[in-house]
Every structure is written in C-alpha cells, then in structure tokens.
C-alpha cells in the first residue's frame, strides 16, 4: 500500500520533527494507520464479508483488495481520514518530547 502519511503531510499539519529519522517515523506511522484502519474495517464487517476480505487478502492483488474495500466499506475514506487526524494529533502533542529525546 502507498503511504498516506508523508513528510509533506506532516509539514502541512505544522509538525516539524527535527533530528529524526523521518523515514523510519513515516514507516511506523503508516503501519500504525494501517492497523487502526484495519481494526475499524473488520469491526464494521459481517462475518461473511470478513471471510471474503481475508480470502482476497491472501489470494488477490492489492488493487483487487482496494477495489473490494471501496465497494464493501462505503465509509472507508472517512475511517482513514479520522485515523490520520488522530495520529497527526497524537504526534503534534508529543512532537516537543520527541525532539528533546533526539
């Protein structure tokens, strides 16, 4: 999956983390985002939909999975944006402490 949280997005949100390994941080943030969105999605699916999604994850391409999610999770964009906003908020709250630790 393409990263959603990028260096530009952090800068647009006013988050300037100096002296950090930005690439490692972005990898971590995007992994966290993927896990949170995944948890929200699975909680919203029926047992049948969950089984179908897991089958697609195991046997189909990322593009096919994205298409299935778009079709079967109409609130996917909202879920993703909500989780991005939460993660950026948490990061902004802790940015000074992160910079001090570097």
N, C-alpha and C. Protein backbone atom coordinates (compact mmCIF):
# COMPACT_ATOMS: atom_id res chain seq x y z
N UNK A 1 0.83 -1.18 0.00
CA UNK A 1 0.00 0.00 0.00
C UNK A 1 0.87 1.25 0.00
N UNK A 2 0.44 2.24 -0.71
CA UNK A 2 1.18 3.50 -0.73
C UNK A 2 1.02 4.22 0.59
N UNK A 3 2.08 4.85 1.05
CA UNK A 3 1.97 5.58 2.32
C UNK A 3 0.98 6.74 2.20
N UNK A 4 0.19 6.91 3.23
CA UNK A 4 -0.77 8.01 3.29
C UNK A 4 -0.17 9.17 4.07
N UNK A 5 0.52 8.84 5.13
CA UNK A 5 1.18 9.87 5.93
C UNK A 5 2.57 10.09 5.34
N UNK A 6 2.82 11.29 4.86
CA UNK A 6 4.08 11.63 4.19
C UNK A 6 4.75 12.80 4.91
N UNK A 7 5.98 13.05 4.55
CA UNK A 7 6.71 14.20 5.10
C UNK A 7 5.93 15.49 4.83
N UNK A 8 5.40 15.63 3.61
CA UNK A 8 4.63 16.83 3.25
C UNK A 8 3.39 16.97 4.12
N UNK A 9 2.71 15.86 4.39
CA UNK A 9 1.51 15.91 5.23
C UNK A 9 1.87 16.36 6.64
N UNK A 10 2.98 15.86 7.17
CA UNK A 10 3.41 16.30 8.50
C UNK A 10 3.69 17.79 8.50
N UNK A 11 4.36 18.28 7.47
CA UNK A 11 4.68 19.71 7.40
C UNK A 11 3.41 20.54 7.25
N UNK A 12 2.45 20.07 6.43
CA UNK A 12 1.19 20.78 6.27
C UNK A 12 0.41 20.86 7.59
N UNK A 13 0.58 19.85 8.41
CA UNK A 13 -0.11 19.82 9.70
C UNK A 13 0.66 20.61 10.75
N UNK A 14 1.77 21.22 10.35
CA UNK A 14 2.55 22.02 11.28
C UNK A 14 3.44 21.21 12.19
N UNK A 15 3.70 19.96 11.81
CA UNK A 15 4.55 19.09 12.62
C UNK A 15 5.94 19.08 12.00
N UNK A 16 6.89 19.66 12.72
CA UNK A 16 8.26 19.74 12.24
C UNK A 16 9.14 18.99 13.22
N UNK A 17 9.48 17.79 12.86
CA UNK A 17 10.31 16.96 13.72
C UNK A 17 11.74 17.04 13.24
N UNK A 18 12.56 17.72 13.99
CA UNK A 18 13.96 17.87 13.63
C UNK A 18 14.78 16.73 14.20
N UNK A 19 15.89 16.47 13.55
CA UNK A 19 16.85 15.47 14.03
C UNK A 19 16.23 14.09 14.21
N UNK A 20 15.27 13.78 13.39
CA UNK A 20 14.63 12.48 13.48
C UNK A 20 14.92 11.66 12.23
N UNK A 21 14.87 10.38 12.35
CA UNK A 21 14.92 9.51 11.19
C UNK A 21 13.51 9.50 10.61
N UNK A 22 13.24 10.47 9.75
CA UNK A 22 11.90 10.69 9.23
C UNK A 22 11.37 9.46 8.51
N UNK A 23 12.21 8.78 7.74
CA UNK A 23 11.75 7.61 7.00
C UNK A 23 11.26 6.52 7.94
N UNK A 24 11.99 6.27 9.01
CA UNK A 24 11.57 5.26 9.99
C UNK A 24 10.28 5.70 10.68
N UNK A 25 10.19 6.98 11.00
CA UNK A 25 8.99 7.50 11.64
C UNK A 25 7.78 7.36 10.71
N UNK A 26 7.95 7.71 9.44
CA UNK A 26 6.85 7.59 8.48
C UNK A 26 6.43 6.14 8.30
N UNK A 27 7.40 5.23 8.25
CA UNK A 27 7.07 3.81 8.16
C UNK A 27 6.23 3.39 9.36
N UNK A 28 6.65 3.81 10.55
CA UNK A 28 5.92 3.47 11.76
C UNK A 28 4.51 4.06 11.75
N UNK A 29 4.40 5.33 11.38
CA UNK A 29 3.09 5.98 11.36
C UNK A 29 2.14 5.33 10.37
N UNK A 30 2.65 4.98 9.20
CA UNK A 30 1.80 4.34 8.19
C UNK A 30 1.41 2.92 8.59
N UNK A 31 2.30 2.22 9.27
CA UNK A 31 1.96 0.88 9.78
C UNK A 31 0.87 1.01 10.85
N UNK A 32 1.02 1.97 11.73
CA UNK A 32 0.02 2.22 12.77
C UNK A 32 -1.32 2.57 12.13
N UNK A 33 -1.29 3.41 11.10
CA UNK A 33 -2.51 3.79 10.40
C UNK A 33 -3.18 2.56 9.78
N UNK A 34 -2.39 1.74 9.13
CA UNK A 34 -2.93 0.53 8.50
C UNK A 34 -3.59 -0.38 9.54
N UNK A 35 -2.95 -0.54 10.70
CA UNK A 35 -3.52 -1.38 11.76
C UNK A 35 -4.82 -0.80 12.30
N UNK A 36 -4.84 0.51 12.53
CA UNK A 36 -6.05 1.15 13.08
C UNK A 36 -7.21 1.10 12.09
N UNK A 37 -6.92 1.40 10.83
CA UNK A 37 -7.97 1.35 9.81
C UNK A 37 -8.46 -0.09 9.66
N UNK A 38 -7.54 -1.03 9.66
CA UNK A 38 -7.92 -2.44 9.56
C UNK A 38 -8.84 -2.87 10.69
N UNK A 39 -8.54 -2.42 11.89
CA UNK A 39 -9.38 -2.77 13.04
C UNK A 39 -10.78 -2.17 12.89
N UNK A 40 -10.84 -0.93 12.45
CA UNK A 40 -12.14 -0.28 12.22
C UNK A 40 -12.94 -1.00 11.14
N UNK A 41 -12.26 -1.38 10.08
CA UNK A 41 -12.94 -2.06 8.97
C UNK A 41 -13.47 -3.41 9.44
N UNK A 42 -12.63 -4.20 10.07
CA UNK A 42 -13.07 -5.54 10.47
C UNK A 42 -14.22 -5.47 11.46
N UNK A 43 -14.24 -4.45 12.29
CA UNK A 43 -15.34 -4.30 13.25
C UNK A 43 -16.65 -3.97 12.54
N UNK A 44 -16.57 -3.38 11.35
CA UNK A 44 -17.78 -2.97 10.64
C UNK A 44 -18.31 -4.04 9.69
N UNK A 45 -17.57 -5.11 9.47
CA UNK A 45 -17.97 -6.13 8.50
C UNK A 45 -18.77 -7.26 9.14
N UNK A 46 -19.64 -7.85 8.33
CA UNK A 46 -20.32 -9.06 8.76
C UNK A 46 -19.32 -10.21 8.72
N UNK A 47 -19.67 -11.33 9.33
CA UNK A 47 -18.78 -12.49 9.31
C UNK A 47 -18.49 -12.93 7.88
N UNK A 48 -19.51 -12.90 7.02
CA UNK A 48 -19.35 -13.30 5.63
C UNK A 48 -18.41 -12.34 4.89
N UNK A 49 -18.58 -11.05 5.11
CA UNK A 49 -17.71 -10.06 4.47
C UNK A 49 -16.27 -10.21 4.96
N UNK A 50 -16.11 -10.46 6.25
CA UNK A 50 -14.77 -10.62 6.81
C UNK A 50 -14.07 -11.82 6.18
N UNK A 51 -14.78 -12.92 6.04
CA UNK A 51 -14.21 -14.11 5.40
C UNK A 51 -13.82 -13.80 3.96
N UNK A 52 -14.68 -13.10 3.25
CA UNK A 52 -14.39 -12.74 1.85
C UNK A 52 -13.17 -11.82 1.77
N UNK A 53 -13.09 -10.84 2.65
CA UNK A 53 -11.95 -9.93 2.64
C UNK A 53 -10.65 -10.67 2.93
N UNK A 54 -10.65 -11.56 3.91
CA UNK A 54 -9.44 -12.32 4.23
C UNK A 54 -9.01 -13.19 3.06
N UNK A 55 -9.97 -13.76 2.35
CA UNK A 55 -9.65 -14.56 1.18
C UNK A 55 -9.00 -13.70 0.10
N UNK A 56 -9.53 -12.52 -0.11
CA UNK A 56 -8.96 -11.60 -1.10
C UNK A 56 -7.55 -11.18 -0.68
N UNK A 57 -7.36 -10.90 0.60
CA UNK A 57 -6.03 -10.52 1.09
C UNK A 57 -5.00 -11.59 0.79
N UNK A 58 -5.41 -12.85 0.93
CA UNK A 58 -4.47 -13.95 0.75
C UNK A 58 -4.22 -14.30 -0.71
N UNK A 59 -5.21 -14.08 -1.58
CA UNK A 59 -5.11 -14.61 -2.93
C UNK A 59 -5.19 -13.58 -4.05
N UNK A 60 -5.40 -12.34 -3.74
CA UNK A 60 -5.57 -11.34 -4.80
C UNK A 60 -4.53 -10.23 -4.66
N UNK A 61 -4.54 -9.33 -5.62
CA UNK A 61 -3.59 -8.22 -5.61
C UNK A 61 -4.08 -7.11 -4.67
N UNK A 62 -3.17 -6.20 -4.36
CA UNK A 62 -3.52 -5.04 -3.55
C UNK A 62 -4.61 -4.21 -4.23
N UNK A 63 -4.54 -4.13 -5.55
CA UNK A 63 -5.54 -3.37 -6.30
C UNK A 63 -6.93 -3.99 -6.17
N UNK A 64 -6.99 -5.32 -6.22
CA UNK A 64 -8.27 -6.01 -6.07
C UNK A 64 -8.82 -5.82 -4.65
N UNK A 65 -7.93 -5.86 -3.67
CA UNK A 65 -8.36 -5.64 -2.30
C UNK A 65 -8.88 -4.22 -2.14
N UNK A 66 -8.18 -3.26 -2.70
CA UNK A 66 -8.62 -1.86 -2.61
C UNK A 66 -9.99 -1.68 -3.26
N UNK A 67 -10.20 -2.33 -4.38
CA UNK A 67 -11.49 -2.25 -5.06
C UNK A 67 -12.59 -2.86 -4.19
N UNK A 68 -12.29 -4.02 -3.59
CA UNK A 68 -13.28 -4.67 -2.74
C UNK A 68 -13.62 -3.78 -1.55
N UNK A 69 -12.59 -3.20 -0.92
CA UNK A 69 -12.82 -2.33 0.23
C UNK A 69 -13.67 -1.12 -0.15
N UNK A 70 -13.38 -0.53 -1.29
CA UNK A 70 -14.13 0.64 -1.74
C UNK A 70 -15.60 0.28 -1.95
N UNK A 71 -15.85 -0.91 -2.47
CA UNK A 71 -17.21 -1.36 -2.73
C UNK A 71 -17.94 -1.74 -1.44
N UNK A 72 -17.25 -2.43 -0.53
CA UNK A 72 -17.90 -3.02 0.63
C UNK A 72 -17.80 -2.21 1.92
N UNK A 73 -16.96 -1.19 1.91
CA UNK A 73 -16.80 -0.34 3.10
C UNK A 73 -17.00 1.10 2.64
N UNK A 74 -18.26 1.52 2.50
CA UNK A 74 -18.53 2.85 1.96
C UNK A 74 -17.93 3.98 2.80
N UNK A 75 -17.69 3.74 4.06
CA UNK A 75 -17.12 4.77 4.93
C UNK A 75 -15.60 4.68 5.02
N UNK A 76 -14.97 3.95 4.10
CA UNK A 76 -13.52 3.75 4.13
C UNK A 76 -12.75 5.07 4.14
N UNK A 77 -13.12 5.99 3.30
CA UNK A 77 -12.41 7.27 3.23
C UNK A 77 -12.53 8.03 4.56
N UNK A 78 -13.72 8.02 5.14
CA UNK A 78 -13.92 8.71 6.42
C UNK A 78 -13.13 8.03 7.53
N UNK A 79 -13.15 6.71 7.57
CA UNK A 79 -12.39 5.96 8.58
C UNK A 79 -10.91 6.29 8.46
N UNK A 80 -10.40 6.27 7.24
CA UNK A 80 -8.98 6.54 7.03
C UNK A 80 -8.64 7.96 7.46
N UNK A 81 -9.44 8.94 7.04
CA UNK A 81 -9.15 10.33 7.39
C UNK A 81 -9.25 10.56 8.89
N UNK A 82 -10.23 9.94 9.54
CA UNK A 82 -10.35 10.07 11.01
C UNK A 82 -9.10 9.55 11.69
N UNK A 83 -8.60 8.40 11.25
CA UNK A 83 -7.41 7.82 11.87
C UNK A 83 -6.16 8.64 11.58
N UNK A 84 -6.06 9.19 10.37
CA UNK A 84 -4.93 10.08 10.04
C UNK A 84 -4.96 11.28 10.98
N UNK A 85 -6.14 11.89 11.15
CA UNK A 85 -6.28 13.05 12.02
C UNK A 85 -5.88 12.72 13.46
N UNK A 86 -6.29 11.56 13.94
CA UNK A 86 -5.96 11.14 15.31
C UNK A 86 -4.45 10.97 15.45
N UNK A 87 -3.84 10.28 14.50
CA UNK A 87 -2.39 10.04 14.56
C UNK A 87 -1.63 11.36 14.49
N UNK A 88 -2.02 12.25 13.59
CA UNK A 88 -1.34 13.55 13.50
C UNK A 88 -1.53 14.35 14.78
N UNK A 89 -2.70 14.27 15.38
CA UNK A 89 -2.93 14.95 16.65
C UNK A 89 -2.04 14.41 17.75
N UNK A 90 -1.94 13.09 17.82
CA UNK A 90 -1.07 12.48 18.83
C UNK A 90 0.38 12.87 18.60
N UNK A 91 0.78 12.90 17.35
CA UNK A 91 2.16 13.27 17.03
C UNK A 91 2.43 14.72 17.39
N UNK A 92 1.48 15.60 17.07
CA UNK A 92 1.65 17.02 17.38
C UNK A 92 1.77 17.23 18.89
N UNK A 93 0.98 16.50 19.67
CA UNK A 93 1.03 16.62 21.13
C UNK A 93 2.39 16.19 21.68
N UNK A 94 3.03 15.24 21.01
CA UNK A 94 4.27 14.68 21.50
C UNK A 94 5.51 15.15 20.75
N UNK A 95 5.35 16.05 19.81
CA UNK A 95 6.48 16.47 18.96
C UNK A 95 7.62 17.05 19.76
N UNK A 96 7.33 17.90 20.74
CA UNK A 96 8.40 18.51 21.54
C UNK A 96 9.18 17.44 22.31
N UNK A 97 8.47 16.50 22.89
CA UNK A 97 9.13 15.43 23.63
C UNK A 97 9.96 14.55 22.73
N UNK A 98 9.49 14.32 21.51
CA UNK A 98 10.24 13.51 20.56
C UNK A 98 11.52 14.24 20.17
N UNK A 99 11.42 15.54 19.89
CA UNK A 99 12.60 16.31 19.52
C UNK A 99 13.60 16.37 20.67
N UNK A 100 13.12 16.51 21.89
CA UNK A 100 14.02 16.59 23.05
C UNK A 100 14.78 15.27 23.25
N UNK A 101 14.13 14.16 22.90
CA UNK A 101 14.75 12.85 23.08
C UNK A 101 15.81 12.58 22.01
N UNK A 102 15.73 13.30 20.90
CA UNK A 102 16.66 13.04 19.79
C UNK A 102 18.05 13.55 20.08
